[in-house]
Structure formats: structure tokens, C-alpha cells
């Protein structure tokens, strides 16, 4: 039996209120991936599939309105144990307004957990594929 691999997945937190616009769910992305609820359900299903495949998964959500505190929490999580993988979701990576947040996350992982292998999914429905592709 193979050793369970630990993967920290970082995604974008949903807006705090229903009146707040959701910049990463552009009309084009909504057409491709569905409503925010559909996207959340798809990601949750992917996480459950990873757990069923014997991955130790922890999820942290980036709050773009307070990413400094979120970054501190993610750094502490990265320092808390050995991580085999660090995945940053497309909501963070693919939203131009969050480029700085993405850079800070990648640099934090390199600083705090330099041996941790990174992976990046490109859609809500390929998180499982991305993790398995990069972390066996």
C-alpha cells in the first residue's frame, strides 16, 4: 500500500455577501462552469474523489478582501507539517485582479515549504486530475 500524500489546496473564497460581485466567475466562466453553487459542488466532488483515492486533503480559502491575514494562515499551515503538494486553484490564478495574491502564495510556499511540489488546475472539474498528475 502506498503512503498517503498530503495536499494543501488553496482556492478563492466566495464573496461575503450576495450583493458582492464575484470577479472570477465572469459571464464567460459562468457559461462554461455554471453558477457559483455548481462550481462549489464540482470542486467539493473533486476533493471527495481525492480523499477516496487516499490523499490527505486540506483546503484553505483566500479572502481577497483580507489576503494578508489569509496568507499568514496559509504560511502557518504550510509550516505545520510536511506537505507533498500545494495546489492553487484557477479562481486565484486566473483572475487578473488577484495576480499579486497568486504571486504571494507561490512565494510563500517556496519560502516556508521549499520541497513541496506545486500543481495548478485549470477548471473546477480537473482538480483531481491536476493533483494526481503532479503527485502520483
Protein backbone atom coordinates (compact mmCIF):
# COMPACT_ATOMS: atom_id res chain seq x y z
CA UNK A 1 0.00 0.00 0.00
CA UNK A 2 1.34 3.43 -0.90
CA UNK A 3 1.89 6.17 1.61
CA UNK A 4 -0.87 8.75 1.84
CA UNK A 5 0.19 12.06 0.32
CA UNK A 6 -0.78 15.33 1.94
CA UNK A 7 -2.01 18.08 -0.36
CA UNK A 8 -2.87 21.65 0.62
CA UNK A 9 -5.42 23.11 -1.78
CA UNK A 10 -5.89 26.87 -1.90
CA UNK A 11 -8.96 28.30 -3.54
CA UNK A 12 -10.80 31.57 -3.75
CA UNK A 13 -13.38 32.26 -1.06
CA UNK A 14 -16.82 33.25 -2.33
CA UNK A 15 -17.91 36.87 -1.92
CA UNK A 16 -19.01 37.70 1.62
CA UNK A 17 -22.41 38.95 0.54
CA UNK A 18 -24.73 38.07 -2.27
CA UNK A 19 -24.55 41.66 -3.50
CA UNK A 20 -20.77 41.49 -3.88
CA UNK A 21 -19.74 40.75 -7.43
CA UNK A 22 -17.74 37.60 -8.00
CA UNK A 23 -14.96 38.72 -10.38
CA UNK A 24 -13.58 35.24 -11.06
CA UNK A 25 -16.99 34.00 -12.19
CA UNK A 26 -17.20 36.17 -15.27
CA UNK A 27 -20.15 35.66 -17.64
CA UNK A 28 -17.82 33.57 -19.84
CA UNK A 29 -16.79 31.38 -16.89
CA UNK A 30 -20.39 31.08 -15.68
CA UNK A 31 -21.36 29.84 -19.14
CA UNK A 32 -18.51 27.30 -19.11
CA UNK A 33 -18.73 26.10 -15.50
CA UNK A 34 -22.17 27.05 -14.19
CA UNK A 35 -23.41 29.03 -11.21
CA UNK A 36 -21.28 29.64 -8.10
CA UNK A 37 -23.18 26.78 -6.44
CA UNK A 38 -22.44 24.44 -9.35
CA UNK A 39 -18.75 25.41 -9.26
CA UNK A 40 -18.58 24.86 -5.48
CA UNK A 41 -20.29 21.47 -5.81
CA UNK A 42 -17.93 20.41 -8.60
CA UNK A 43 -14.87 21.35 -6.56
CA UNK A 44 -16.25 19.59 -3.47
CA UNK A 45 -16.85 16.46 -5.54
CA UNK A 46 -13.26 16.60 -6.81
CA UNK A 47 -11.98 16.91 -3.22
CA UNK A 48 -14.09 13.95 -2.12
CA UNK A 49 -12.67 11.90 -5.01
CA UNK A 50 -9.14 12.80 -3.90
CA UNK A 51 -9.91 11.72 -0.35
CA UNK A 52 -11.40 8.46 -1.64
CA UNK A 53 -8.14 7.94 -3.59
CA UNK A 54 -6.25 8.10 -0.27
CA UNK A 55 -4.99 11.69 -0.41
CA UNK A 56 -4.85 13.69 2.83
CA UNK A 57 -6.51 16.92 1.69
CA UNK A 58 -6.72 20.23 3.50
CA UNK A 59 -8.40 23.24 1.92
CA UNK A 60 -7.74 26.91 2.63
CA UNK A 61 -9.73 29.69 1.01
CA UNK A 62 -8.19 33.04 0.12
CA UNK A 63 -10.24 36.05 1.15
CA UNK A 64 -9.32 38.68 -1.45
CA UNK A 65 -10.61 41.45 0.80
CA UNK A 66 -8.12 40.43 3.53
CA UNK A 67 -5.49 38.33 1.84
CA UNK A 68 -2.74 39.39 4.27
CA UNK A 69 -4.43 37.51 7.12
CA UNK A 70 -5.23 34.63 4.80
CA UNK A 71 -1.62 34.46 3.66
CA UNK A 72 -0.42 34.33 7.28
CA UNK A 73 -2.81 31.43 7.91
CA UNK A 74 -1.60 29.57 4.82
CA UNK A 75 2.05 30.10 5.81
CA UNK A 76 1.31 28.69 9.26
CA UNK A 77 -0.45 25.71 7.69
CA UNK A 78 2.48 25.10 5.33
CA UNK A 79 4.87 25.21 8.29
CA UNK A 80 2.70 22.90 10.42
CA UNK A 81 3.76 19.65 8.74
CA UNK A 82 5.28 18.08 5.65
CA UNK A 83 3.18 18.70 2.53
CA UNK A 84 3.67 16.63 -0.58
CA UNK A 85 1.68 19.05 -2.68
CA UNK A 86 0.37 22.59 -2.87
CA UNK A 87 -2.42 23.35 -5.35
CA UNK A 88 -3.57 26.87 -6.20
CA UNK A 89 -6.92 26.94 -7.95
CA UNK A 90 -7.77 28.81 -11.10
CA UNK A 91 -10.03 31.30 -9.28
CA UNK A 92 -6.89 32.77 -7.70
CA UNK A 93 -4.53 32.24 -10.64
CA UNK A 94 -6.86 33.15 -13.48
CA UNK A 95 -8.29 36.38 -12.13
CA UNK A 96 -6.07 39.33 -13.14
CA UNK A 97 -7.06 41.29 -10.03
CA UNK A 98 -5.58 38.52 -7.86
CA UNK A 99 -2.21 38.21 -9.62
CA UNK A 100 -0.45 39.69 -6.59
CA UNK A 101 -2.21 37.20 -4.30
CA UNK A 102 -1.14 34.33 -6.56
CA UNK A 103 2.47 35.53 -6.52
CA UNK A 104 2.41 35.83 -2.73
CA UNK A 105 1.03 32.30 -2.38
CA UNK A 106 3.66 30.76 -4.66
CA UNK A 107 6.46 32.65 -2.95
CA UNK A 108 5.14 31.69 0.49
CA UNK A 109 5.16 28.03 -0.48
CA UNK A 110 8.70 28.32 -1.84
CA UNK A 111 9.83 30.07 1.35
CA UNK A 112 8.03 28.02 4.00
CA UNK A 113 7.86 24.61 2.33
CA UNK A 114 10.54 24.61 -0.39
CA UNK A 115 10.31 20.89 -1.16
CA UNK A 116 6.58 20.95 -1.75
CA UNK A 117 5.57 20.19 -5.33
CA UNK A 118 3.01 22.56 -6.86
CA UNK A 119 0.05 21.82 -9.06
CA UNK A 120 -2.48 24.05 -10.77
CA UNK A 121 -5.90 23.06 -12.02
CA UNK A 122 -7.39 24.98 -14.93
CA UNK A 123 -11.09 24.24 -14.34
CA UNK A 124 -13.27 23.25 -11.40
CA UNK A 125 -13.64 19.75 -12.82
CA UNK A 126 -9.95 18.92 -13.23
CA UNK A 127 -8.68 19.39 -9.67
CA UNK A 128 -8.43 15.61 -9.21
CA UNK A 129 -6.56 15.24 -12.50
CA UNK A 130 -4.13 18.03 -11.59
CA UNK A 131 -3.30 16.57 -8.18
CA UNK A 132 -2.86 13.03 -9.47
CA UNK A 133 -0.80 14.21 -12.45
CA UNK A 134 1.63 16.06 -10.20
CA UNK A 135 1.59 14.00 -7.03
CA UNK A 136 1.03 10.46 -8.27
